[in-house]
Amino acid sequence: MLNLKLEGQLHEIVKLKRSGKIVYHAPAQQAAGLENFCDKPLILSFGRPDTGELCKVDAEIQTMRESGERSRVVFSLERSDTVHFSGLSRSPLDLTVAIDADKQLQRLRTISDDQRRKIFAVLRDIADGVGETLENTRENLTTLFCGEQGREMISLSDCDKELASDFIEWLIDFAFTQGIPLKDSPKEFLEDVERYRALCVKHRICLVCGKPNSDIHHLEGHRIGMGRNRHKIDDSNARKIALCRVHHSELHNMPESEFLQRYHL
């Protein structure tokens, strides 16, 4: 487990309405190592100098600011946990800061804020397209997705990250099927360009600009060739992309590799 020992001073204890925080001053050289602990669930360990009791509390780094030879570090924690620091304000206090491995692993597996934003962006476009409220659209499409997947209802607050990725792809597929335009390029919503490529081919959506009714272009090494009937050839295993007339013409006026590199495909 990654941990760091700090020898500093507890400067202030703050009890907020629903949470709390402690302000800790430490040598800047020591505190520099805390950068690896930012945005992660932490365990703060310290021994109370007055009782010798070993205390452990859950916390996260809220802010860090360097001032001369010392750094001011603000840890956020549960309001009830501030009691462990009672009476120690302005006192020397050695802290051991460690990453809570179990919580960090769970966080890495859980839907990210970015994924949640993407889901609601697509849901908002679909809601506008069908003339429904965002909340009704979210509820109806989440139910439909879970029904097709044969799973229990998911929560967009703490579902699995991979499941969230599948839901984003499913929503884009739904929008394409219903002919609902998306305000942002669908390419921005999918982390895996290969999944986006397959969706665009399926619905004949331009891989570059998102225009519908696009042409299917077979990539080099997978061309059907002149004189062969495209309707009688099984090209399901062929590598292909969908391009509108403008981008299809552009591709034919330059090396294919240059075109793919230009649009990060």
Protein backbone atom coordinates (compact mmCIF):
# COMPACT_ATOMS: atom_id res chain seq x y z
CA MET A 1 0.00 0.00 0.00
CA LEU A 2 1.32 3.44 -0.97
CA ASN A 3 1.74 5.66 2.08
CA LEU A 4 3.54 8.82 3.16
CA LYS A 5 4.57 10.03 6.61
CA LEU A 6 4.18 13.73 7.36
CA GLU A 7 5.66 15.56 10.33
CA GLY A 8 3.71 18.77 10.70
CA GLN A 9 1.13 20.70 12.66
CA LEU A 10 -2.65 20.47 12.83
CA HIS A 11 -3.63 24.07 12.20
CA GLU A 12 -7.42 24.05 12.24
CA ILE A 13 -10.43 21.75 12.63
CA VAL A 14 -13.62 22.72 10.79
CA LYS A 15 -17.02 21.14 11.40
CA LEU A 16 -19.35 21.81 8.50
CA LYS A 17 -23.06 21.04 8.29
CA ARG A 18 -22.68 17.57 6.78
CA SER A 19 -18.94 17.11 6.60
CA GLY A 20 -15.71 18.34 8.13
CA LYS A 21 -12.14 19.16 7.28
CA ILE A 22 -8.76 19.59 8.91
CA VAL A 23 -6.09 22.07 7.88
CA TYR A 24 -2.58 20.65 8.20
CA HIS A 25 0.76 22.40 7.76
CA ALA A 26 3.73 20.28 6.68
CA PRO A 27 7.22 20.89 5.26
CA ALA A 28 6.86 21.61 1.55
CA GLN A 29 9.47 19.01 0.65
CA GLN A 30 7.45 16.29 2.40
CA ALA A 31 4.06 17.44 1.16
CA ALA A 32 5.23 17.39 -2.46
CA GLY A 33 4.78 13.63 -2.40
CA LEU A 34 1.06 14.10 -1.67
CA GLU A 35 0.43 14.82 -5.35
CA ASN A 36 0.18 11.05 -5.84
CA PHE A 37 -2.63 10.93 -3.27
CA CYS A 38 -4.91 13.58 -4.77
CA ASP A 39 -8.36 12.51 -6.04
CA LYS A 40 -8.08 9.18 -4.21
CA PRO A 41 -9.77 7.77 -1.09
CA LEU A 42 -7.30 7.97 1.81
CA ILE A 43 -6.76 6.61 5.30
CA LEU A 44 -5.17 9.05 7.76
CA SER A 45 -3.43 7.38 10.70
CA PHE A 46 -2.02 9.14 13.74
CA GLY A 47 -1.43 8.60 17.42
CA ARG A 48 -3.05 11.05 19.80
CA PRO A 49 -0.19 12.54 21.84
CA ASP A 50 -2.41 12.99 24.91
CA THR A 51 -3.79 9.43 25.12
CA GLY A 52 -1.48 7.37 22.92
CA GLU A 53 -4.57 6.11 21.05
CA LEU A 54 -4.04 5.11 17.42
CA CYS A 55 -6.69 6.76 15.24
CA LYS A 56 -7.60 6.03 11.63
CA VAL A 57 -10.04 8.11 9.59
CA ASP A 58 -11.20 8.14 5.99
CA ALA A 59 -10.37 11.33 4.11
CA GLU A 60 -9.53 12.95 0.79
CA ILE A 61 -7.28 15.85 -0.13
CA GLN A 62 -9.43 18.89 -0.82
CA THR A 63 -6.73 21.47 -1.59
CA MET A 64 -2.96 21.89 -1.39
CA ARG A 65 -1.08 25.19 -1.39
CA GLU A 66 2.63 25.77 -1.02
CA SER A 67 3.82 28.83 0.87
CA GLY A 68 7.56 29.19 1.25
CA GLU A 69 9.02 26.21 3.07
CA ARG A 70 5.70 24.77 4.15
CA SER A 71 2.52 23.50 2.50
CA ARG A 72 -1.05 23.98 3.62
CA VAL A 73 -3.05 20.79 3.05
CA VAL A 74 -6.79 20.59 3.59
CA PHE A 75 -8.20 17.11 4.13
CA SER A 76 -11.97 16.58 3.86
CA LEU A 77 -13.55 13.90 6.04
CA GLU A 78 -16.80 12.90 7.70
CA ARG A 79 -18.08 15.41 10.25
CA SER A 80 -18.25 12.69 12.91
CA ASP A 81 -14.55 11.87 12.37
CA THR A 82 -13.47 15.37 13.36
CA VAL A 83 -13.91 14.26 16.98
CA HIS A 84 -10.65 12.26 16.71
CA PHE A 85 -8.76 15.56 16.29
CA SER A 86 -10.54 17.31 19.15
CA GLY A 87 -8.17 19.32 21.32
CA LEU A 88 -5.20 18.91 18.94
CA SER A 89 -5.56 22.13 16.97
CA ARG A 90 -2.28 24.08 16.71
CA SER A 91 -0.44 20.98 17.98
CA PRO A 92 2.41 19.04 16.35
CA LEU A 93 0.85 15.99 14.75
CA ASP A 94 2.47 13.27 12.68
CA LEU A 95 0.21 11.80 10.00
CA THR A 96 0.58 8.69 7.88
CA VAL A 97 -1.36 9.11 4.64
CA ALA A 98 -2.27 5.92 2.77
CA ILE A 99 -4.50 5.14 -0.23
CA ASP A 100 -7.49 2.97 0.65
CA ALA A 101 -6.81 0.24 -1.92
CA ASP A 102 -10.25 -1.38 -1.71
CA LYS A 103 -12.12 1.88 -2.18
CA GLN A 104 -9.78 2.98 -4.97
CA LEU A 105 -10.29 -0.29 -6.82
CA GLN A 106 -14.05 0.08 -6.46
CA ARG A 107 -13.85 3.66 -7.71
CA LEU A 108 -11.86 2.59 -10.78
CA ARG A 109 -14.56 0.04 -11.56
CA THR A 110 -17.44 2.49 -11.05
CA ILE A 111 -18.99 4.79 -13.62
CA SER A 112 -16.97 7.99 -14.01
CA ASP A 113 -18.28 11.55 -13.96
CA ASP A 114 -17.28 11.84 -17.62
CA GLN A 115 -19.34 8.77 -18.56
CA ARG A 116 -22.31 10.13 -16.60
CA ARG A 117 -22.09 13.45 -18.44
CA LYS A 118 -21.98 11.65 -21.78
CA ILE A 119 -25.02 9.52 -20.93
CA PHE A 120 -27.10 12.53 -19.97
CA ALA A 121 -25.95 14.47 -23.05
CA VAL A 122 -27.22 11.70 -25.36
CA LEU A 123 -30.38 11.25 -23.26
CA ARG A 124 -31.07 14.99 -23.55
CA ASP A 125 -30.77 14.87 -27.34
CA ILE A 126 -33.08 11.85 -27.50
CA ALA A 127 -35.58 13.54 -25.17
CA ASP A 128 -35.61 16.62 -27.43
CA GLY A 129 -36.00 14.39 -30.48
CA VAL A 130 -39.03 12.49 -29.17
CA GLY A 131 -40.60 15.44 -27.31
CA GLU A 132 -40.31 13.89 -23.84
CA THR A 133 -38.87 15.10 -20.55
CA LEU A 134 -35.30 14.14 -19.74
CA GLU A 135 -36.37 12.23 -16.62
CA ASN A 136 -39.01 10.16 -18.47
CA THR A 137 -36.55 9.43 -21.28
CA ARG A 138 -33.88 8.34 -18.79
CA GLU A 139 -36.28 6.05 -16.95
CA ASN A 140 -37.83 4.53 -20.11
CA LEU A 141 -34.54 3.92 -21.92
CA THR A 142 -32.77 2.58 -18.83
CA THR A 143 -35.64 0.12 -18.38
CA LEU A 144 -35.52 -0.87 -22.06
CA PHE A 145 -31.73 -1.32 -21.98
CA CYS A 146 -31.83 -3.47 -18.84
CA GLY A 147 -34.67 -5.54 -20.28
CA GLU A 148 -32.72 -6.26 -23.46
CA GLN A 149 -29.62 -7.07 -21.42
CA GLY A 150 -31.57 -9.32 -19.05
CA ARG A 151 -30.33 -7.53 -15.94
CA GLU A 152 -31.78 -5.68 -12.98
CA MET A 153 -32.24 -1.92 -13.15
CA ILE A 154 -28.97 -0.01 -13.03
CA SER A 155 -28.19 3.18 -11.15
CA LEU A 156 -26.31 5.90 -13.01
CA SER A 157 -24.73 6.94 -9.72
CA ASP A 158 -22.73 3.78 -9.01
CA CYS A 159 -23.06 1.25 -11.83
CA ASP A 160 -20.09 -0.62 -13.29
CA LYS A 161 -17.81 1.40 -15.62
CA GLU A 162 -17.93 -1.23 -18.38
CA LEU A 163 -21.72 -1.38 -18.13
CA ALA A 164 -21.86 2.42 -18.43
CA SER A 165 -19.78 2.18 -21.61
CA ASP A 166 -22.21 -0.41 -23.02
CA PHE A 167 -25.14 1.87 -22.15
CA ILE A 168 -23.55 4.81 -23.98
CA GLU A 169 -23.08 2.67 -27.09
CA TRP A 170 -26.65 1.38 -26.80
CA LEU A 171 -28.03 4.93 -26.53
CA ILE A 172 -26.12 6.07 -29.62
CA ASP A 173 -27.36 2.98 -31.49
CA PHE A 174 -30.93 3.84 -30.38
CA ALA A 175 -30.54 7.45 -31.57
CA PHE A 176 -29.18 6.29 -34.95
CA THR A 177 -32.02 3.76 -35.35
CA GLN A 178 -34.66 6.39 -34.58
CA GLY A 179 -33.03 8.98 -36.82
CA ILE A 180 -32.45 11.35 -33.90
CA PRO A 181 -29.58 13.80 -34.51
CA LEU A 182 -27.01 14.26 -31.77
CA LYS A 183 -25.70 17.76 -31.08
CA ASP A 184 -22.16 16.54 -30.46
CA SER A 185 -20.28 14.07 -32.63
CA PRO A 186 -21.02 10.53 -31.38
CA LYS A 187 -17.28 9.88 -31.75
CA GLU A 188 -16.78 12.04 -28.65
CA PHE A 189 -18.97 9.73 -26.55
CA LEU A 190 -17.27 6.41 -27.26
CA GLU A 191 -13.75 5.79 -25.96
CA ASP A 192 -13.32 2.85 -28.33
CA VAL A 193 -13.15 4.12 -31.93
CA GLU A 194 -13.65 0.55 -33.18
CA ARG A 195 -17.08 0.35 -31.52
CA TYR A 196 -17.99 3.69 -33.07
CA ARG A 197 -16.78 2.54 -36.50
CA ALA A 198 -19.01 -0.53 -36.31
CA LEU A 199 -22.04 1.58 -35.31
CA CYS A 200 -21.46 3.98 -38.19
CA VAL A 201 -21.22 1.12 -40.70
CA LYS A 202 -24.37 -0.47 -39.29
CA HIS A 203 -26.39 2.74 -39.70
CA ARG A 204 -24.45 4.25 -42.64
CA ILE A 205 -23.44 7.28 -40.58
CA CYS A 206 -20.33 9.17 -41.70
CA LEU A 207 -17.48 8.25 -39.39
CA VAL A 208 -16.03 11.75 -39.69
CA CYS A 209 -18.97 14.18 -39.55
CA GLY A 210 -21.97 12.05 -38.55
CA LYS A 211 -24.07 12.65 -41.70
CA PRO A 212 -26.65 9.90 -42.47
CA ASN A 213 -27.07 7.90 -45.70
CA SER A 214 -23.32 7.59 -46.17
CA ASP A 215 -21.34 5.34 -48.50
CA ILE A 216 -19.56 2.19 -47.34
CA HIS A 217 -15.85 2.26 -48.12
CA HIS A 218 -13.83 -0.95 -47.93
CA LEU A 219 -10.36 -0.39 -46.56
CA GLU A 220 -7.20 -1.44 -48.37
CA GLY A 221 -6.79 -5.20 -48.33
CA HIS A 222 -10.55 -5.68 -48.05
CA ARG A 223 -11.69 -4.20 -51.38
CA ILE A 224 -14.36 -6.08 -53.32
CA GLY A 225 -12.85 -5.21 -56.68
CA MET A 226 -14.22 -4.18 -60.06
CA GLY A 227 -16.77 -6.41 -61.81
CA ARG A 228 -17.87 -8.27 -58.66
CA ASN A 229 -21.50 -8.08 -57.53
CA ARG A 230 -21.52 -6.38 -54.13
CA HIS A 231 -24.98 -7.80 -53.39
CA LYS A 232 -23.82 -11.40 -53.76
CA ILE A 233 -20.58 -11.14 -51.76
CA ASP A 234 -20.36 -11.75 -48.04
CA ASP A 235 -18.25 -8.85 -46.78
CA SER A 236 -19.17 -9.24 -43.10
CA ASN A 237 -15.52 -9.90 -42.21
CA ALA A 238 -14.17 -7.10 -44.40
CA ARG A 239 -12.79 -3.95 -42.80
CA LYS A 240 -14.94 -1.01 -43.87
CA ILE A 241 -16.00 2.46 -42.82
CA ALA A 242 -18.98 4.70 -43.61
CA LEU A 243 -18.26 8.08 -45.21
CA CYS A 244 -20.47 10.84 -46.60
CA ARG A 245 -19.90 11.84 -50.23
CA VAL A 246 -17.68 14.77 -49.27
CA HIS A 247 -15.33 12.74 -47.06
CA HIS A 248 -15.46 9.74 -49.40
CA SER A 249 -14.24 11.96 -52.25
CA GLU A 250 -11.57 13.42 -49.99
CA LEU A 251 -10.29 9.94 -49.16
CA HIS A 252 -9.98 9.01 -52.84
CA ASN A 253 -7.82 12.09 -53.45
CA MET A 254 -5.10 11.10 -50.99
CA PRO A 255 -3.42 7.98 -49.58
CA GLU A 256 -5.86 6.10 -47.37
CA SER A 257 -3.38 6.03 -44.47
CA GLU A 258 -3.07 9.83 -44.60
CA PHE A 259 -6.87 10.21 -44.48
CA LEU A 260 -7.22 7.87 -41.51
CA GLN A 261 -4.43 9.68 -39.67
CA ARG A 262 -5.94 13.12 -40.41
CA TYR A 263 -9.21 12.18 -38.70
CA HIS A 264 -7.65 10.00 -35.98
CA LEU A 265 -9.40 6.88 -37.26
